[in-house]
Amino acid sequence: MGAERITEGVYKLGAIDWDRRLFDSLIPLPDGTSYNAYLIEGSEKTALLDTVDPSMVDILFSQLEGVRSIDYIVAHHAEQDHAGVIPDVLVKYPNATVVTTPKGKEILTSLLRVEDQRFITVDDGQTLSLGQRTLEFIHTPWVHWPETMLTYLQEDKILFTCDFFGSHLATTDLYATDKARVYEAAKRYYAEIMMPFRQIIAKNLEKIKDYEIAAIAPSHGPIYDRPTFIIDAYHDWVSSPPKNLVVIPYVSMHDSTRKMVAHLVNALAKRGVKIEQFNLEATDIGKLATALVDAATIVVGTPAVLGGPHPHAIFAAYLANALKPKVKFASIIGSYAWGSRTIEQLSEVMSNLKVEILEPVFRKGLPQEADFKALDDLADNIASKHKEHNFV
């Protein structure tokens, strides 16, 4: 695709990666992604905001064929999918200067070996004139690396946010027209990337609240020409109470744990509690992460393996621990054959979660009537806790 005009002198560049299915060797990309860069022409200077993943450098350069001069390369974030082509652009435009935060300079120097004299570092709130257009830089550390920042184009009221408000979505739509699809992709993106920094995200939402924003232009996914759509969604994901939802990631080796999970799911449903169940043998971890955004309770189901939890269960617990969702309660259910420290070990893995641990149901062998009664009691407890906290 060629450059797309947003307004006179402001263009979206970049590449659509239709076929990419894994990010950071970890995050599934069922809908591909995009790497958005932006070109802003002032009456005196021209700025390129971010670049593309190195695999797509030829596409970016084809879009820059008619651009004779770039004065500034604004690096909002040093990760390679945004900054990886900066050294190539500096070769093509030898008079260009990289504009970033002080921490951004440190990381870019380390990752890309950009020479010291090619940088300008900017303070929070500092401006840079392009002539009749002004860039204002807003520091947003830990959204989602320590060096990140945003750029506000004052005259056009466009906020360029890099990973903030992004979505891994391959689409030719310039703007977020398919609201349902974009909402799902953006929520998944928030869950996988931004949720661990939820409290910092809340502070940065507060930081931008007084800006008049006509459009939000992230570096993944479409532009938001109705920015309240994504800002309101972030406020909900970040700050609203958890919902009346239990997330149950589980794995079962010889059917005992599966039977316990099935019984608990039915018991919770009868008590008016919503459930999302994930068989860890074949789960898209992005969907598990997305479910955790709203969950009030997580219940991990696992058999014992060599005296401890199954590796899939450890992974799910570790993922929840790393993502730090708003979850308030947790429990563990499953079975063992001859002995186990599963409950202690999984509890340690989830130590970051500030949760109340509800009585686990971990039994030897196939579940019996007394075990199903214990699962009913756990369902009663969960439903009661959710009702007590007014989770809906």
Protein backbone atom coordinates (compact mmCIF):
# COMPACT_ATOMS: atom_id res chain seq x y z
CA MET A 1 0.00 0.00 0.00
CA GLY A 2 1.04 3.55 -0.58
CA ALA A 3 0.94 6.46 1.83
CA GLU A 4 -2.59 7.34 2.99
CA ARG A 5 -3.63 10.92 3.58
CA ILE A 6 -5.08 11.70 7.00
CA THR A 7 -5.21 15.44 6.41
CA GLU A 8 -3.21 17.84 4.28
CA GLY A 9 0.46 17.21 5.02
CA VAL A 10 -0.16 14.30 7.41
CA TYR A 11 0.10 10.75 6.08
CA LYS A 12 -0.07 7.21 7.38
CA LEU A 13 2.77 5.03 6.10
CA GLY A 14 3.84 1.56 7.16
CA ALA A 15 3.01 -2.01 6.32
CA ILE A 16 0.29 -4.60 6.87
CA ASP A 17 1.64 -7.95 8.01
CA TRP A 18 -1.20 -10.25 6.96
CA ASP A 19 0.63 -13.51 7.62
CA ARG A 20 2.40 -12.98 10.93
CA ARG A 21 1.01 -15.36 13.54
CA LEU A 22 3.35 -14.91 16.51
CA PHE A 23 4.77 -11.84 18.20
CA ASP A 24 7.80 -11.81 20.51
CA SER A 25 7.91 -15.62 20.10
CA LEU A 26 5.00 -15.65 22.55
CA ILE A 27 1.84 -13.76 21.56
CA PRO A 28 -0.49 -15.38 18.99
CA LEU A 29 -1.61 -13.06 16.17
CA PRO A 30 -4.77 -14.65 14.75
CA ASP A 31 -5.54 -11.50 12.74
CA GLY A 32 -2.01 -10.49 11.75
CA THR A 33 -0.87 -6.97 12.54
CA SER A 34 0.35 -3.71 11.07
CA TYR A 35 3.35 -1.48 11.66
CA ASN A 36 2.19 2.11 11.31
CA ALA A 37 4.50 5.03 10.66
CA TYR A 38 3.38 8.61 10.05
CA LEU A 39 4.79 11.46 7.98
CA ILE A 40 4.13 15.07 9.00
CA GLU A 41 5.09 17.91 6.71
CA GLY A 42 5.50 21.38 8.16
CA SER A 43 6.29 24.54 6.24
CA GLU A 44 9.96 24.22 7.24
CA LYS A 45 10.65 20.68 8.45
CA THR A 46 9.40 17.13 7.90
CA ALA A 47 9.08 14.47 10.60
CA LEU A 48 8.72 10.70 10.33
CA LEU A 49 7.01 9.21 13.37
CA ASP A 50 8.24 5.64 13.99
CA THR A 51 9.21 3.16 11.27
CA VAL A 52 8.28 -0.49 10.61
CA ASP A 53 9.45 -3.97 11.45
CA PRO A 54 12.75 -4.66 9.64
CA SER A 55 11.06 -7.38 7.57
CA MET A 56 8.95 -4.66 5.92
CA VAL A 57 11.67 -2.06 5.23
CA ASP A 58 11.17 -2.20 1.44
CA ILE A 59 7.51 -1.23 1.80
CA LEU A 60 8.35 1.81 3.91
CA PHE A 61 11.07 2.91 1.51
CA SER A 62 8.72 2.63 -1.45
CA GLN A 63 6.37 5.01 0.36
CA LEU A 64 9.24 7.44 0.98
CA GLU A 65 10.37 7.54 -2.67
CA GLY A 66 9.02 11.03 -3.27
CA VAL A 67 10.11 12.42 0.11
CA ARG A 68 13.31 14.32 -0.53
CA SER A 69 14.10 15.30 3.03
CA ILE A 70 13.32 14.05 6.54
CA ASP A 71 14.57 16.26 9.33
CA TYR A 72 13.34 14.32 12.36
CA ILE A 73 12.62 10.66 13.11
CA VAL A 74 10.44 10.55 16.22
CA ALA A 75 11.01 7.30 18.12
CA HIS A 76 8.15 6.79 20.55
CA HIS A 77 9.34 3.33 21.55
CA ALA A 78 12.58 1.43 21.00
CA GLU A 79 11.14 -2.01 20.27
CA GLN A 80 12.22 -3.27 16.86
CA ASP A 81 8.77 -3.47 15.27
CA HIS A 82 8.66 0.34 15.52
CA ALA A 83 12.32 1.40 15.62
CA GLY A 84 14.13 -1.41 13.83
CA VAL A 85 14.44 0.46 10.53
CA ILE A 86 15.75 3.73 12.04
CA PRO A 87 19.37 2.94 11.05
CA ASP A 88 18.26 2.41 7.42
CA VAL A 89 16.31 5.67 7.38
CA LEU A 90 19.33 7.52 8.80
CA VAL A 91 21.41 6.22 5.90
CA LYS A 92 18.80 7.32 3.36
CA TYR A 93 18.40 10.72 5.05
CA PRO A 94 21.86 11.59 6.43
CA ASN A 95 20.70 14.93 7.85
CA ALA A 96 17.88 13.41 9.91
CA THR A 97 17.94 13.46 13.70
CA VAL A 98 16.28 10.92 16.02
CA VAL A 99 13.95 12.52 18.57
CA THR A 100 13.25 10.48 21.67
CA THR A 101 13.25 10.45 25.46
CA PRO A 102 16.56 10.24 27.35
CA LYS A 103 15.78 6.63 28.21
CA GLY A 104 14.83 6.04 24.58
CA LYS A 105 18.27 7.21 23.49
CA GLU A 106 19.89 4.80 25.92
CA ILE A 107 17.89 1.82 24.68
CA LEU A 108 18.12 2.69 20.98
CA THR A 109 21.87 3.06 21.30
CA SER A 110 22.03 -0.38 22.88
CA LEU A 111 19.65 -2.18 20.51
CA LEU A 112 20.42 -0.50 17.19
CA ARG A 113 23.84 1.10 17.70
CA VAL A 114 22.58 4.52 16.61
CA GLU A 115 25.39 7.03 17.05
CA ASP A 116 25.15 9.54 19.87
CA GLN A 117 25.30 12.63 17.63
CA ARG A 118 22.19 11.53 15.70
CA PHE A 119 19.90 12.12 18.71
CA ILE A 120 17.86 14.92 20.22
CA THR A 121 16.32 14.03 23.58
CA VAL A 122 13.14 15.79 24.65
CA ASP A 123 11.61 16.45 28.04
CA ASP A 124 8.02 15.78 29.01
CA GLY A 125 5.87 18.55 27.50
CA GLN A 126 8.64 19.86 25.24
CA THR A 127 7.65 21.06 21.77
CA LEU A 128 9.32 20.98 18.39
CA SER A 129 8.30 23.26 15.53
CA LEU A 130 8.10 22.03 11.96
CA GLY A 131 6.97 25.46 10.81
CA GLN A 132 3.19 26.02 11.04
CA ARG A 133 2.99 22.64 12.76
CA THR A 134 4.06 21.85 16.32
CA LEU A 135 4.88 18.51 17.89
CA GLU A 136 4.36 18.20 21.64
CA PHE A 137 5.98 15.24 23.38
CA ILE A 138 4.25 13.51 26.29
CA HIS A 139 6.32 11.10 28.35
CA THR A 140 4.45 7.88 29.18
CA PRO A 141 7.02 5.58 30.79
CA TRP A 142 5.99 1.94 31.12
CA VAL A 143 3.42 2.11 28.37
CA HIS A 144 4.79 -0.44 27.98
CA TRP A 145 8.61 0.00 28.17
CA PRO A 146 10.41 2.56 30.37
CA GLU A 147 11.24 4.91 27.47
CA THR A 148 7.84 5.34 25.81
CA MET A 149 6.26 8.65 24.84
CA LEU A 150 3.41 10.05 22.74
CA THR A 151 3.34 12.93 20.24
CA TYR A 152 0.52 15.46 20.06
CA LEU A 153 0.22 17.39 16.79
CA GLN A 154 -1.16 20.59 18.23
CA GLU A 155 -2.64 22.27 15.17
CA ASP A 156 -4.41 19.13 13.90
CA LYS A 157 -5.21 17.71 17.36
CA ILE A 158 -3.91 14.24 16.46
CA LEU A 159 -2.39 12.11 19.21
CA PHE A 160 0.21 9.61 17.99
CA THR A 161 0.39 6.90 20.62
CA CYS A 162 2.60 4.06 19.32
CA ASP A 163 1.65 0.94 21.34
CA PHE A 164 -0.82 2.79 23.58
CA PHE A 165 -4.37 2.12 22.26
CA GLY A 166 -3.01 -0.23 19.59
CA SER A 167 -4.50 -3.42 18.18
CA HIS A 168 -2.86 -6.34 16.40
CA LEU A 169 -5.12 -6.26 13.37
CA ALA A 170 -4.24 -6.56 9.70
CA THR A 171 -6.74 -4.39 7.83
CA THR A 172 -6.82 -1.97 4.92
CA ASP A 173 -9.21 0.27 6.86
CA LEU A 174 -7.56 3.59 7.61
CA TYR A 175 -10.00 4.23 10.46
CA ALA A 176 -11.68 1.96 13.02
CA THR A 177 -14.91 1.42 11.11
CA ASP A 178 -15.64 -2.17 12.20
CA LYS A 179 -16.11 -1.28 15.86
CA ALA A 180 -16.81 -4.80 17.15
CA ARG A 181 -13.76 -6.30 15.46
CA VAL A 182 -11.47 -3.47 16.51
CA TYR A 183 -12.78 -3.57 20.10
CA GLU A 184 -12.00 -7.29 20.37
CA ALA A 185 -8.51 -6.86 18.90
CA ALA A 186 -7.75 -3.82 21.06
CA LYS A 187 -8.94 -5.58 24.23
CA ARG A 188 -6.77 -8.57 23.44
CA TYR A 189 -3.83 -6.23 22.80
CA TYR A 190 -4.44 -4.46 26.11
CA ALA A 191 -4.63 -7.80 27.94
CA GLU A 192 -1.42 -9.17 26.47
CA ILE A 193 0.73 -6.04 26.55
CA MET A 194 -0.69 -3.24 28.69
CA MET A 195 -2.50 -4.97 31.57
CA PRO A 196 0.63 -5.61 33.66
CA PHE A 197 1.03 -1.81 33.83
CA ARG A 198 -2.63 -1.14 34.62
CA GLN A 199 -2.01 1.37 37.41
CA ILE A 200 0.47 3.30 35.27
CA ILE A 201 -1.96 3.22 32.34
CA ALA A 202 -4.58 4.83 34.62
CA LYS A 203 -2.19 7.69 35.38
CA ASN A 204 -1.48 8.23 31.69
CA LEU A 205 -5.19 8.24 30.84
CA GLU A 206 -5.47 11.03 33.39
CA LYS A 207 -2.48 12.77 31.84
CA ILE A 208 -4.11 13.09 28.40
CA LYS A 209 -7.67 13.84 29.56
CA ASP A 210 -7.43 17.61 29.03
CA TYR A 211 -6.08 17.39 25.49
CA GLU A 212 -8.51 18.11 22.69
CA ILE A 213 -8.10 15.00 20.54
CA ALA A 214 -9.60 14.73 17.08
CA ALA A 215 -7.94 11.39 16.29
CA ILE A 216 -5.73 8.78 17.94
CA ALA A 217 -3.13 7.26 15.63
CA PRO A 218 -1.47 4.15 17.11
CA SER A 219 1.37 2.16 15.61
CA HIS A 220 -0.63 -1.09 15.33
CA GLY A 221 -4.11 -1.29 13.87
CA PRO A 222 -6.44 1.39 12.49
CA ILE A 223 -6.70 5.05 13.50
CA TYR A 224 -9.49 6.13 15.86
CA ASP A 225 -11.30 9.09 14.31
CA ARG A 226 -13.72 8.86 17.25
CA PRO A 227 -11.16 8.67 20.05
CA THR A 228 -13.67 8.35 22.89
CA PHE A 229 -14.38 4.83 21.60
CA ILE A 230 -10.96 3.54 22.65
CA ILE A 231 -10.41 5.93 25.58
CA ASP A 232 -13.68 4.82 27.20
CA ALA A 233 -12.79 1.18 26.60
CA TYR A 234 -9.43 1.65 28.33
CA HIS A 235 -11.08 3.33 31.31
CA ASP A 236 -13.36 0.30 31.62
CA TRP A 237 -10.57 -2.27 31.29
CA VAL A 238 -8.26 -0.40 33.66
CA SER A 239 -10.52 0.93 36.38
CA SER A 240 -13.97 -0.69 36.39
CA PRO A 241 -14.62 -3.42 38.98
CA PRO A 242 -14.23 -7.02 37.86
CA LYS A 243 -17.30 -8.71 36.46
CA ASN A 244 -19.25 -11.71 37.70
CA LEU A 245 -16.87 -13.98 35.81
CA VAL A 246 -14.78 -17.02 36.71
CA VAL A 247 -11.92 -18.00 34.40
CA ILE A 248 -10.96 -21.69 34.57
CA PRO A 249 -7.76 -22.71 32.78
CA TYR A 250 -7.23 -26.43 33.20
CA VAL A 251 -5.44 -29.53 32.00
CA SER A 252 -6.41 -33.14 32.61
CA MET A 253 -4.35 -36.27 32.08
CA HIS A 254 -6.71 -39.13 32.94
CA ASP A 255 -10.09 -37.37 33.10
CA SER A 256 -10.30 -36.80 36.88
CA THR A 257 -9.58 -33.07 36.70
CA ARG A 258 -11.78 -32.67 33.64
CA LYS A 259 -14.73 -34.17 35.54
CA MET A 260 -14.10 -31.80 38.45
CA VAL A 261 -13.96 -28.81 36.10
CA ALA A 262 -17.19 -29.85 34.37
CA HIS A 263 -18.96 -30.18 37.72
CA LEU A 264 -17.72 -26.79 38.93
CA VAL A 265 -18.74 -25.09 35.69
CA ASN A 266 -22.29 -26.47 35.99
CA ALA A 267 -22.46 -25.53 39.65
CA LEU A 268 -21.36 -21.96 38.98
CA ALA A 269 -23.76 -21.58 36.06
CA LYS A 270 -26.68 -22.69 38.29
CA ARG A 271 -25.69 -19.95 40.72
CA GLY A 272 -25.74 -17.25 38.06
CA VAL A 273 -21.98 -16.95 37.64
CA LYS A 274 -20.49 -16.56 34.15
CA ILE A 275 -17.62 -18.89 33.25
CA GLU A 276 -14.90 -18.96 30.64
CA GLN A 277 -13.21 -22.36 30.46
CA PHE A 278 -9.87 -23.00 28.73
CA ASN A 279 -8.42 -26.43 28.00
CA LEU A 280 -4.70 -25.68 28.20
CA GLU A 281 -3.80 -28.46 25.78
CA ALA A 282 -5.09 -26.31 22.91
CA THR A 283 -5.71 -22.78 24.19
CA ASP A 284 -4.96 -19.52 22.44
CA ILE A 285 -3.25 -17.74 25.34
CA GLY A 286 -4.41 -14.40 23.96
CA LYS A 287 -8.02 -15.44 24.58
CA LEU A 288 -7.12 -16.53 28.11
CA ALA A 289 -5.43 -13.18 28.71
CA THR A 290 -8.46 -11.32 27.33
CA ALA A 291 -10.81 -13.21 29.63
CA LEU A 292 -8.67 -12.22 32.61
CA VAL A 293 -9.31 -8.51 31.92
CA ASP A 294 -12.81 -8.81 33.42
CA ALA A 295 -12.47 -11.85 35.69
CA ALA A 296 -13.25 -11.65 39.39
CA THR A 297 -12.01 -15.19 40.09
CA ILE A 298 -9.50 -17.57 38.56
CA VAL A 299 -9.65 -21.30 39.28
CA VAL A 300 -6.72 -23.37 37.98
CA GLY A 301 -7.44 -27.04 37.32
CA THR A 302 -4.54 -29.47 37.23
CA PRO A 303 -3.47 -33.03 37.95
CA ALA A 304 -0.26 -33.66 39.85
CA VAL A 305 2.81 -34.52 37.78
CA LEU A 306 5.83 -35.83 39.69
CA GLY A 307 4.43 -34.33 42.86
CA GLY A 308 3.70 -30.87 41.44
CA PRO A 309 1.34 -29.10 39.04
CA HIS A 310 1.21 -29.96 35.35
CA PRO A 311 3.52 -27.67 33.29
CA HIS A 312 0.53 -26.28 31.36
CA ALA A 313 -1.08 -25.24 34.66
CA ILE A 314 2.17 -23.64 35.79
CA PHE A 315 2.24 -21.66 32.54
CA ALA A 316 -1.35 -20.45 32.99
CA ALA A 317 -0.68 -19.45 36.60
CA TYR A 318 2.54 -17.71 35.58
CA LEU A 319 0.73 -15.86 32.79
CA ALA A 320 -1.94 -14.61 35.20
CA ASN A 321 0.74 -13.62 37.68
CA ALA A 322 2.65 -11.65 35.03
CA LEU A 323 -0.42 -9.92 33.59
CA LYS A 324 -1.70 -8.80 37.04
CA PRO A 325 -5.42 -8.58 36.20
CA LYS A 326 -8.08 -7.13 38.53
CA VAL A 327 -8.99 -10.63 39.76
CA LYS A 328 -9.96 -10.74 43.46
CA PHE A 329 -10.21 -14.47 44.23
CA ALA A 330 -8.36 -17.62 43.25
CA SER A 331 -8.57 -21.34 43.87
CA ILE A 332 -7.12 -24.63 42.67
CA ILE A 333 -8.88 -27.87 41.85
CA GLY A 334 -7.61 -31.22 40.59
CA SER A 335 -6.37 -34.65 41.50
CA TYR A 336 -3.26 -36.60 42.33
CA ALA A 337 -2.27 -40.27 42.49
CA TRP A 338 0.24 -40.63 45.32
CA GLY A 339 1.31 -37.23 46.68
CA SER A 340 1.64 -33.59 45.75
CA ARG A 341 2.73 -30.06 46.65
CA THR A 342 0.60 -28.66 43.81
CA ILE A 343 -1.40 -26.20 45.90
CA GLU A 344 1.68 -24.69 47.53
CA GLN A 345 3.60 -24.45 44.28
CA LEU A 346 0.79 -22.89 42.24
CA SER A 347 0.07 -20.42 45.04
CA GLU A 348 3.71 -19.35 44.93
CA VAL A 349 3.57 -18.92 41.15
CA MET A 350 0.58 -16.55 41.53
CA SER A 351 2.15 -14.49 44.31
CA ASN A 352 1.77 -11.19 42.39
CA LEU A 353 -2.00 -11.49 42.45
CA LYS A 354 -3.49 -9.70 45.43
CA VAL A 355 -6.24 -12.27 45.83
CA GLU A 356 -8.09 -14.14 48.52
CA ILE A 357 -7.41 -17.85 48.13
CA LEU A 358 -10.64 -19.82 48.35
CA GLU A 359 -10.54 -23.36 49.74
CA PRO A 360 -8.95 -25.61 47.07
CA VAL A 361 -10.48 -28.94 46.11
CA PHE A 362 -7.55 -31.26 45.44
CA ARG A 363 -8.28 -34.95 45.82
CA LYS A 364 -6.65 -38.34 45.42
CA GLY A 365 -7.83 -40.37 42.44
CA LEU A 366 -11.19 -40.11 40.70
CA PRO A 367 -13.54 -37.58 42.31
CA GLN A 368 -16.14 -39.07 44.65
CA GLU A 369 -19.46 -37.77 45.97
CA ALA A 370 -17.74 -35.90 48.79
CA ASP A 371 -15.45 -34.20 46.28
CA PHE A 372 -18.37 -33.01 44.16
CA LYS A 373 -19.96 -31.69 47.34
CA ALA A 374 -16.75 -29.75 48.02
CA LEU A 375 -16.94 -28.31 44.49
CA ASP A 376 -20.54 -27.24 45.16
CA ASP A 377 -19.33 -25.52 48.32
CA LEU A 378 -16.61 -23.76 46.31
CA ALA A 379 -19.25 -22.60 43.81
CA ASP A 380 -21.40 -21.33 46.70
CA ASN A 381 -18.42 -19.43 48.09
CA ILE A 382 -17.53 -17.87 44.74
CA ALA A 383 -21.13 -16.83 44.03
CA SER A 384 -21.43 -15.37 47.52
CA LYS A 385 -18.18 -13.41 47.19
CA HIS A 386 -19.21 -12.01 43.81
CA LYS A 387 -22.60 -10.98 45.16
CA GLU A 388 -21.04 -9.41 48.24
CA HIS A 389 -18.82 -7.25 46.03
CA ASN A 390 -21.65 -6.40 43.62
CA PHE A 391 -19.87 -7.91 40.64
CA VAL A 392 -22.27 -8.00 37.72
